[in-house]
């Protein structure tokens, strides 16, 4: 439903739509636990600024005109309309201006005006529509019992006047009403209640659907933020690790071997440029959501480049097996997992050698990264955010990550990723 917004101030309880139907809840605020619209906060200001002028004016004009036609049709059987009758008709119609702000008062106010109108012997006519509209508003506003009580009062009052008090009420010589007429009147009242309850149910359903769509949108936004954060972590962690190692080499060799220091500085420049490009690519998805990326996402076809970067950081990497052709999502996840695993070796292992093995087992890709250790650093036990990111990537594809020390003192990362097989490269 358009215009829905959350109340500020005290707020509403979770699942508030279950406690009462939200009639014009985008104006009044969500209903409370007793089924009534919350009267605090922005709802008060909104109610004061909105009035159903047009519908009330049209309905009042229709009631006045229709009652004139009813007077001519029932001439001789009922009392002719006089100024008091027109005042009652006008009061019953104008009262509907407050039907969204004070539904209980309006429901009983219209019932009182109609009973006075009937008790004075005036013609039957469209005046009953004012009660129907008032009680409809009360039901969809969450005041269901008030609406039922008002309709019951109208029917009981009519029964009392038509079967007991008619001898003393105008017009003179009125024979009273038959019980068939009362059955028809009761059926009319039940129809009003049924339509009102149907409208209330539909409004509750729309509110639930709207709330579910909002929750789904928030979930998608959270997932997208997590994906971007994971991409940034993977890009920056790997690049900064290489830059850190090369900076240490450059500082150590600055005086003794300037040429080697120059090579290290060149590696830092190239790696930082590459990292900036990848970060820009990730951030482009934030600046232009839905737009096509400017550069293809990295995949296992860049594994030789990854090995070369690791070598520039002092890590010798041996690759066994050929990477298969993978769907884009699985290809990116496999590349990032290998990148993070090799970055962890550079940062947390005393070994300067690593082995990467790529196997295919049916529709599953197995990636294994081993180093000989020993582990160094506080985050070497497999509890860092990098390993958590790898596990999230694998879980998103329905795969698994196993990471931990080997019995011989090294460390192993084993990733199993299901994928739909494509034609090999």
Protein backbone atom coordinates (compact mmCIF):
# COMPACT_ATOMS: atom_id res chain seq x y z
CA UNK A 1 0.00 0.00 0.00
CA UNK A 2 1.38 3.35 -1.09
CA UNK A 3 2.50 5.80 1.51
CA UNK A 4 3.33 3.29 4.19
CA UNK A 5 5.89 4.54 6.70
CA UNK A 6 7.19 3.51 10.07
CA UNK A 7 6.14 5.46 13.16
CA UNK A 8 8.75 7.45 14.93
CA UNK A 9 8.69 7.98 18.67
CA UNK A 10 7.73 5.00 20.78
CA UNK A 11 7.47 2.66 17.80
CA UNK A 12 5.15 -0.31 17.39
CA UNK A 13 5.48 -3.90 18.57
CA UNK A 14 6.78 -6.53 16.15
CA UNK A 15 3.97 -8.07 14.12
CA UNK A 16 1.59 -5.25 15.03
CA UNK A 17 -0.66 -6.06 12.05
CA UNK A 18 -1.73 -9.20 13.89
CA UNK A 19 -3.24 -7.22 16.75
CA UNK A 20 -5.67 -5.09 14.81
CA UNK A 21 -6.46 -4.03 11.25
CA UNK A 22 -4.55 -1.02 9.99
CA UNK A 23 -7.18 1.46 8.83
CA UNK A 24 -5.44 4.38 7.18
CA UNK A 25 -2.44 3.28 9.17
CA UNK A 26 -0.19 5.24 6.89
CA UNK A 27 -1.87 8.32 8.37
CA UNK A 28 -2.55 7.26 11.93
CA UNK A 29 0.43 5.09 12.76
CA UNK A 30 0.27 1.33 13.41
CA UNK A 31 -2.48 -0.01 15.66
CA UNK A 32 -1.65 -1.04 19.17
CA UNK A 33 -2.23 -4.32 20.94
CA UNK A 34 -5.87 -3.55 21.67
CA UNK A 35 -6.62 -3.16 17.96
CA UNK A 36 -6.86 0.65 18.22
CA UNK A 37 -4.77 3.05 16.26
CA UNK A 38 -1.89 4.44 18.26
CA UNK A 39 -2.67 8.03 19.14
CA UNK A 40 0.84 9.18 19.96
CA UNK A 41 3.57 10.74 17.87
CA UNK A 42 3.19 11.59 14.20
CA UNK A 43 -0.25 9.95 13.95
CA UNK A 44 -1.90 12.87 15.77
CA UNK A 45 -0.42 15.44 13.43
CA UNK A 46 -1.39 13.40 10.38
CA UNK A 47 -4.98 12.93 11.57
CA UNK A 48 -5.40 16.67 12.07
CA UNK A 49 -4.20 17.33 8.53
CA UNK A 50 -6.47 14.87 6.68
CA UNK A 51 -10.23 15.06 6.31
CA UNK A 52 -12.51 12.99 4.02
CA UNK A 53 -14.26 16.10 2.69
CA UNK A 54 -15.21 14.91 -0.77
CA UNK A 55 -16.68 11.53 0.13
CA UNK A 56 -18.58 13.03 3.07
CA UNK A 57 -20.04 15.85 0.95
CA UNK A 58 -21.11 13.44 -1.82
CA UNK A 59 -22.68 11.01 0.63
CA UNK A 60 -24.53 13.77 2.53
CA UNK A 61 -25.90 15.22 -0.72
CA UNK A 62 -27.03 11.76 -1.81
CA UNK A 63 -28.77 11.14 1.53
CA UNK A 64 -30.62 14.47 1.40
CA UNK A 65 -31.70 14.01 -2.22
CA UNK A 66 -32.61 10.36 -1.78
CA UNK A 67 -34.68 11.08 1.30
CA UNK A 68 -36.68 13.61 -0.77
CA UNK A 69 -37.50 10.90 -3.31
CA UNK A 70 -38.36 8.48 -0.47
CA UNK A 71 -40.75 11.06 0.99
CA UNK A 72 -42.71 11.21 -2.25
CA UNK A 73 -42.70 7.41 -2.62
CA UNK A 74 -44.00 6.90 0.97
CA UNK A 75 -46.38 9.85 1.05
CA UNK A 76 -49.26 9.20 3.43
CA UNK A 77 -47.50 6.32 5.15
CA UNK A 78 -44.74 8.30 6.88
CA UNK A 79 -44.31 11.80 8.28
CA UNK A 80 -43.24 14.41 5.70
CA UNK A 81 -39.74 15.81 5.96
CA UNK A 82 -39.51 19.03 7.98
CA UNK A 83 -36.55 21.17 9.08
CA UNK A 84 -35.85 18.88 12.06
CA UNK A 85 -35.66 15.87 9.74
CA UNK A 86 -33.24 17.66 7.45
CA UNK A 87 -31.10 18.64 10.43
CA UNK A 88 -30.95 14.97 11.46
CA UNK A 89 -30.01 13.89 7.92
CA UNK A 90 -27.36 16.60 7.71
CA UNK A 91 -25.97 15.69 11.14
CA UNK A 92 -25.73 12.00 10.24
CA UNK A 93 -23.82 12.88 7.06
CA UNK A 94 -21.50 15.59 8.42
CA UNK A 95 -20.53 13.39 11.39
CA UNK A 96 -18.73 11.13 8.91
CA UNK A 97 -15.98 13.75 8.61
CA UNK A 98 -14.56 12.36 11.87
CA UNK A 99 -14.91 8.67 10.95
CA UNK A 100 -11.12 8.10 10.70
CA UNK A 101 -10.25 10.14 13.78
CA UNK A 102 -12.99 9.06 16.19
CA UNK A 103 -14.56 5.92 14.67
CA UNK A 104 -16.39 4.84 17.84
CA UNK A 105 -18.05 8.22 18.41
CA UNK A 106 -19.04 8.52 14.76
CA UNK A 107 -20.51 4.99 14.66
CA UNK A 108 -22.76 5.58 17.68
CA UNK A 109 -23.46 9.19 16.63
CA UNK A 110 -24.86 8.14 13.26
CA UNK A 111 -26.87 5.36 14.93
CA UNK A 112 -28.39 7.90 17.38
CA UNK A 113 -29.29 10.29 14.54
CA UNK A 114 -30.90 7.50 12.51
CA UNK A 115 -32.89 6.20 15.50
CA UNK A 116 -34.19 9.72 16.21
CA UNK A 117 -35.10 10.03 12.52
CA UNK A 118 -37.00 6.73 12.56
CA UNK A 119 -38.62 7.45 15.91
CA UNK A 120 -40.03 10.70 14.52
CA UNK A 121 -41.75 8.71 11.78
CA UNK A 122 -39.84 10.13 8.82
CA UNK A 123 -39.58 8.12 5.57
CA UNK A 124 -37.25 5.18 5.25
CA UNK A 125 -34.44 5.98 2.83
CA UNK A 126 -30.69 6.24 2.22
CA UNK A 127 -30.03 7.58 5.73
CA UNK A 128 -29.01 4.03 6.64
CA UNK A 129 -25.94 4.45 4.40
CA UNK A 130 -24.43 6.83 6.96
CA UNK A 131 -24.47 4.04 9.55
CA UNK A 132 -22.98 1.59 7.05
CA UNK A 133 -20.10 3.94 6.18
CA UNK A 134 -19.45 4.81 9.83
CA UNK A 135 -19.34 1.17 10.92
CA UNK A 136 -17.18 0.24 7.93
CA UNK A 137 -14.70 2.87 9.03
CA UNK A 138 -14.79 1.59 12.59
CA UNK A 139 -14.09 -2.01 11.51
CA UNK A 140 -11.13 -1.17 9.29
CA UNK A 141 -9.83 1.19 12.00
CA UNK A 142 -9.57 -1.71 14.42
CA UNK A 143 -12.72 -0.91 16.41
CA UNK A 144 -14.56 -4.05 15.38
CA UNK A 145 -16.54 -4.59 18.56
CA UNK A 146 -17.63 -0.96 18.56
CA UNK A 147 -18.96 -1.36 15.01
CA UNK A 148 -20.79 -4.57 15.89
CA UNK A 149 -22.29 -2.95 18.99
CA UNK A 150 -23.44 0.09 16.98
CA UNK A 151 -25.11 -2.08 14.33
CA UNK A 152 -26.71 -4.22 17.04
CA UNK A 153 -28.01 -1.08 18.75
CA UNK A 154 -29.54 0.13 15.48
CA UNK A 155 -31.30 -3.18 14.87
CA UNK A 156 -32.52 -3.51 18.48
CA UNK A 157 -33.77 0.09 18.49
CA UNK A 158 -35.66 -0.47 15.26
CA UNK A 159 -37.23 -3.67 16.61
CA UNK A 160 -38.29 -1.85 19.78
CA UNK A 161 -39.90 1.02 17.86
CA UNK A 162 -41.51 -1.14 15.16
CA UNK A 163 -42.99 -3.76 17.52
CA UNK A 164 -43.49 -2.08 20.91
CA UNK A 165 -43.37 1.72 20.78
CA UNK A 166 -45.08 2.24 17.41
CA UNK A 167 -48.45 2.85 19.15
CA UNK A 168 -47.13 6.04 20.75
CA UNK A 169 -44.82 7.19 17.96
CA UNK A 170 -45.73 9.10 14.79
CA UNK A 171 -47.29 8.67 12.33
CA UNK A 172 -50.66 8.12 13.93
CA UNK A 173 -52.27 4.81 13.10
CA UNK A 174 -48.98 3.16 12.16
CA UNK A 175 -49.60 -0.63 12.18
CA UNK A 176 -45.94 -1.44 12.93
CA UNK A 177 -43.54 -3.57 10.91
CA UNK A 178 -43.59 -7.27 10.11
CA UNK A 179 -40.91 -9.65 11.27
CA UNK A 180 -40.02 -10.30 7.64
CA UNK A 181 -38.88 -6.70 7.47
CA UNK A 182 -36.72 -7.26 10.54
CA UNK A 183 -35.11 -10.28 8.91
CA UNK A 184 -34.33 -8.17 5.85
CA UNK A 185 -32.86 -5.46 8.07
CA UNK A 186 -30.75 -8.03 9.95
CA UNK A 187 -29.49 -9.43 6.64
CA UNK A 188 -28.51 -5.92 5.55
CA UNK A 189 -26.56 -5.40 8.77
CA UNK A 190 -24.77 -8.75 8.40
CA UNK A 191 -23.81 -7.77 4.85
CA UNK A 192 -22.30 -4.52 6.12
CA UNK A 193 -20.26 -6.45 8.71
CA UNK A 194 -19.11 -9.00 6.11
CA UNK A 195 -17.94 -6.35 3.64
CA UNK A 196 -16.17 -4.45 6.41
CA UNK A 197 -14.39 -7.56 7.68
CA UNK A 198 -13.35 -8.48 4.13
CA UNK A 199 -11.86 -5.02 3.65
CA UNK A 200 -10.07 -5.28 7.00
CA UNK A 201 -8.62 -8.67 6.07
CA UNK A 202 -7.39 -7.37 2.73
CA UNK A 203 -5.71 -4.39 4.39
CA UNK A 204 -3.97 -6.68 6.86
CA UNK A 205 -2.80 -8.89 4.00
CA UNK A 206 -1.48 -5.88 2.06
CA UNK A 207 0.34 -4.69 5.18
CA UNK A 208 1.96 -8.11 5.66
CA UNK A 209 2.97 -8.29 2.01
CA UNK A 210 4.41 -4.80 2.14
CA UNK A 211 6.35 -5.59 5.31
CA UNK A 212 7.66 -8.82 3.77
CA UNK A 213 8.78 -6.96 0.63
CA UNK A 214 10.56 -4.42 2.82
CA UNK A 215 12.31 -7.19 4.77
CA UNK A 216 13.32 -8.93 1.54
CA UNK A 217 14.73 -5.66 0.18
CA UNK A 218 16.72 -5.16 3.38
CA UNK A 219 18.05 -8.73 3.15
CA UNK A 220 19.15 -8.17 -0.45
CA UNK A 221 20.84 -4.92 0.51
CA UNK A 222 22.64 -6.63 3.40
CA UNK A 223 23.78 -9.45 1.14
CA UNK A 224 25.05 -6.98 -1.44
CA UNK A 225 26.96 -5.02 1.20
CA UNK A 226 28.48 -8.26 2.47
CA UNK A 227 29.52 -9.25 -1.06
CA UNK A 228 31.18 -5.89 -1.68
CA UNK A 229 32.91 -5.96 1.70
CA UNK A 230 34.21 -9.47 0.96
CA UNK A 231 35.50 -8.37 -2.46
CA UNK A 232 37.26 -5.36 -0.96
CA UNK A 233 38.81 -7.49 1.78
CA UNK A 234 40.12 -10.05 -0.68
CA UNK A 235 41.56 -7.43 -3.02
CA UNK A 236 43.13 -5.27 -0.34
CA UNK A 237 44.42 -8.08 1.90
CA UNK A 238 46.31 -9.73 -0.94
CA UNK A 239 47.67 -6.52 -2.43
CA UNK A 240 48.70 -4.96 0.86
CA UNK A 241 50.44 -8.18 1.92
CA UNK A 242 52.54 -8.14 -1.26
CA UNK A 243 53.24 -4.42 -0.86
CA UNK A 244 54.27 -4.93 2.76
CA UNK A 245 56.73 -7.70 1.87
CA UNK A 246 58.21 -5.73 -1.01
CA UNK A 247 58.50 -2.61 1.12
CA UNK A 248 60.49 -4.61 3.69
CA UNK A 249 62.75 -5.95 0.94
CA UNK A 250 63.25 -2.47 -0.47
CA UNK A 251 64.15 -1.00 2.91
CA UNK A 252 66.56 -3.83 3.69
CA UNK A 253 68.38 -3.56 0.32
CA UNK A 254 68.17 0.19 -0.21
CA UNK A 255 71.88 0.72 0.63
CA UNK A 256 73.44 -2.66 -0.18
CA UNK A 257 71.59 -3.51 -3.42
CA UNK A 258 69.87 -0.45 -4.93
CA UNK A 259 68.89 -2.32 -8.10
CA UNK A 260 66.99 -4.99 -6.13
CA UNK A 261 65.38 -2.23 -4.05
CA UNK A 262 64.32 -0.56 -7.29
CA UNK A 263 62.72 -3.83 -8.41
CA UNK A 264 60.82 -4.07 -5.12
CA UNK A 265 59.58 -0.49 -5.47
CA UNK A 266 58.46 -1.22 -9.05
CA UNK A 267 56.50 -4.23 -7.77
CA UNK A 268 54.88 -2.03 -5.11
CA UNK A 269 53.87 0.50 -7.77
CA UNK A 270 52.40 -2.15 -10.10
CA UNK A 271 50.59 -3.95 -7.31
CA UNK A 272 49.10 -0.78 -5.85
CA UNK A 273 47.90 0.28 -9.32
CA UNK A 274 46.27 -3.12 -9.84
CA UNK A 275 44.65 -2.97 -6.40
CA UNK A 276 43.26 0.49 -7.08
CA UNK A 277 41.78 -0.75 -10.35
CA UNK A 278 40.07 -3.71 -8.67
CA UNK A 279 38.76 -1.53 -5.83
CA UNK A 280 37.39 0.94 -8.40
CA UNK A 281 35.67 -1.92 -10.20
CA UNK A 282 34.00 -3.08 -6.99
CA UNK A 283 32.93 0.44 -6.03
CA UNK A 284 31.45 1.01 -9.49
CA UNK A 285 28.65 -1.33 -8.49
CA UNK A 286 27.76 1.10 -5.70
CA UNK A 287 27.83 4.22 -7.83
CA UNK A 288 25.83 2.73 -10.71
CA UNK A 289 23.71 -0.19 -9.42
CA UNK A 290 22.62 -2.54 -12.17
CA UNK A 291 25.17 -1.21 -14.67
CA UNK A 292 27.46 -3.61 -16.45
CA UNK A 293 30.96 -3.83 -14.92
CA UNK A 294 33.71 -2.07 -16.85
CA UNK A 295 36.12 -5.00 -16.50
CA UNK A 296 35.50 -8.75 -16.32
CA UNK A 297 35.55 -10.35 -12.90
CA UNK A 298 38.78 -12.24 -12.20
CA UNK A 299 38.79 -16.01 -12.54
CA UNK A 300 41.13 -18.98 -12.60
CA UNK A 301 42.46 -17.85 -15.98
CA UNK A 302 44.46 -15.33 -13.92
CA UNK A 303 46.08 -18.05 -11.81
CA UNK A 304 49.51 -17.58 -13.51
CA UNK A 305 49.32 -13.89 -12.63
CA UNK A 306 48.48 -14.82 -9.04
CA UNK A 307 51.48 -17.16 -8.91
CA UNK A 308 53.70 -14.39 -10.28
CA UNK A 309 52.47 -11.94 -7.66
CA UNK A 310 53.14 -14.46 -4.91
CA UNK A 311 56.64 -14.97 -6.32
CA UNK A 312 57.26 -11.23 -6.15
CA UNK A 313 56.42 -11.44 -2.45
CA UNK A 314 59.01 -14.20 -1.98
CA UNK A 315 56.64 -17.18 -2.16
CA UNK A 316 57.32 -19.98 -4.64
CA UNK A 317 54.05 -21.55 -5.77
CA UNK A 318 53.72 -24.91 -7.53
CA UNK A 319 50.46 -25.59 -9.39
CA UNK A 320 49.21 -29.11 -10.14
CA UNK A 321 46.18 -29.72 -12.34
CA UNK A 322 44.39 -27.64 -14.96
CA UNK A 323 41.54 -25.32 -13.95
CA UNK A 324 38.25 -26.23 -15.71
CA UNK A 325 35.89 -23.81 -17.38
CA UNK A 326 33.57 -22.55 -14.66
CA UNK A 327 30.46 -20.38 -14.48
CA UNK A 328 31.32 -16.76 -13.59
CA UNK A 329 30.21 -17.03 -9.96
CA UNK A 330 32.17 -20.21 -9.25
CA UNK A 331 35.16 -18.91 -11.22
CA UNK A 332 35.35 -15.72 -9.14
CA UNK A 333 34.90 -17.64 -5.87
CA UNK A 334 37.66 -20.12 -6.79
CA UNK A 335 40.05 -17.30 -7.70
CA UNK A 336 39.36 -15.35 -4.50
CA UNK A 337 39.78 -18.47 -2.35
CA UNK A 338 43.16 -19.24 -3.90
CA UNK A 339 44.16 -15.59 -3.60
CA UNK A 340 43.24 -15.46 0.08
CA UNK A 341 44.92 -18.81 0.80
CA UNK A 342 48.19 -17.69 -0.79
CA UNK A 343 47.96 -14.33 0.97
CA UNK A 344 47.65 -16.17 4.28
CA UNK A 345 50.77 -18.19 3.48
CA UNK A 346 52.70 -14.98 2.81
CA UNK A 347 51.44 -13.34 6.00
CA UNK A 348 51.27 -16.20 8.50
CA UNK A 349 53.66 -18.95 7.41
CA UNK A 350 57.38 -19.23 7.84
CA UNK A 351 57.55 -21.35 4.69
CA UNK A 352 58.46 -19.74 1.38
CA UNK A 353 56.93 -22.57 -0.64
CA UNK A 354 53.28 -23.38 -1.36
CA UNK A 355 51.55 -26.04 -3.44
CA UNK A 356 48.23 -25.58 -5.22
CA UNK A 357 46.38 -28.64 -6.46
CA UNK A 358 43.25 -28.43 -8.65
CA UNK A 359 41.10 -31.54 -9.10
CA UNK A 360 37.69 -32.20 -10.63
CA UNK A 361 35.41 -34.79 -9.11
CA UNK A 362 32.21 -35.00 -11.14
CA UNK A 363 30.44 -31.70 -10.67
CA UNK A 364 32.75 -30.57 -7.88
CA UNK A 365 35.97 -28.59 -7.98
CA UNK A 366 38.57 -29.33 -5.30
CA UNK A 367 41.15 -26.66 -4.52
CA UNK A 368 43.97 -27.54 -2.10
CA UNK A 369 46.66 -25.16 -0.89
CA UNK A 370 49.49 -26.53 1.28
CA UNK A 371 52.49 -24.94 2.90
CA UNK A 372 55.14 -26.48 5.16
CA UNK A 373 54.97 -23.92 7.96
CA UNK A 374 55.73 -23.22 10.67
CA UNK A 375 52.92 -20.82 11.48
CA UNK A 376 53.77 -17.30 12.56
CA UNK A 377 51.64 -14.37 13.78
CA UNK A 378 48.65 -14.12 16.09
CA UNK A 379 46.08 -14.97 13.39
CA UNK A 380 47.74 -18.13 12.13
CA UNK A 381 45.32 -20.54 13.71
CA UNK A 382 42.60 -20.35 11.13
CA UNK A 383 40.26 -17.94 12.91
CA UNK A 384 40.88 -14.73 10.91
CA UNK A 385 38.40 -12.80 8.79
CA UNK A 386 40.07 -14.07 5.61
CA UNK A 387 39.13 -17.66 6.36
CA UNK A 388 35.63 -16.53 7.34
CA UNK A 389 35.32 -14.83 3.95
CA UNK A 390 36.46 -17.98 2.15
CA UNK A 391 33.88 -20.04 4.02
CA UNK A 392 31.14 -17.55 3.10
CA UNK A 393 32.10 -17.70 -0.58
CA UNK A 394 32.07 -21.49 -0.55
CA UNK A 395 28.78 -21.66 1.36
CA UNK A 396 27.14 -19.29 -1.16
CA UNK A 397 27.79 -21.93 -3.85
CA UNK A 398 26.82 -24.87 -1.63
CA UNK A 399 30.45 -25.83 -1.04
CA UNK A 400 32.72 -26.27 1.97
CA UNK A 401 36.06 -25.01 3.28
CA UNK A 402 38.38 -26.99 5.55
CA UNK A 403 41.39 -25.15 6.97
CA UNK A 404 43.78 -26.19 9.69
CA UNK A 405 47.25 -27.40 10.64
CA UNK A 406 48.63 -30.58 9.08
CA UNK A 407 50.13 -33.33 11.25
CA UNK A 408 53.59 -32.63 9.79
CA UNK A 409 53.53 -29.01 10.94
CA UNK A 410 52.28 -27.31 7.80
CA UNK A 411 48.89 -25.79 7.02
CA UNK A 412 46.24 -26.84 4.52
CA UNK A 413 43.22 -25.15 2.98
CA UNK A 414 40.83 -27.46 1.13
CA UNK A 415 37.88 -26.00 -0.77
CA UNK A 416 35.16 -28.09 -2.43
CA UNK A 417 32.93 -26.10 -4.80
CA UNK A 418 30.04 -27.61 -6.75
CA UNK A 419 29.61 -26.23 -10.25
CA UNK A 420 27.79 -26.91 -13.49
CA UNK A 421 30.29 -28.33 -15.90
CA UNK A 422 31.00 -26.29 -19.05
CA UNK A 423 33.10 -27.02 -22.09
CA UNK A 424 36.77 -27.04 -21.07
CA UNK A 425 38.93 -24.19 -22.21
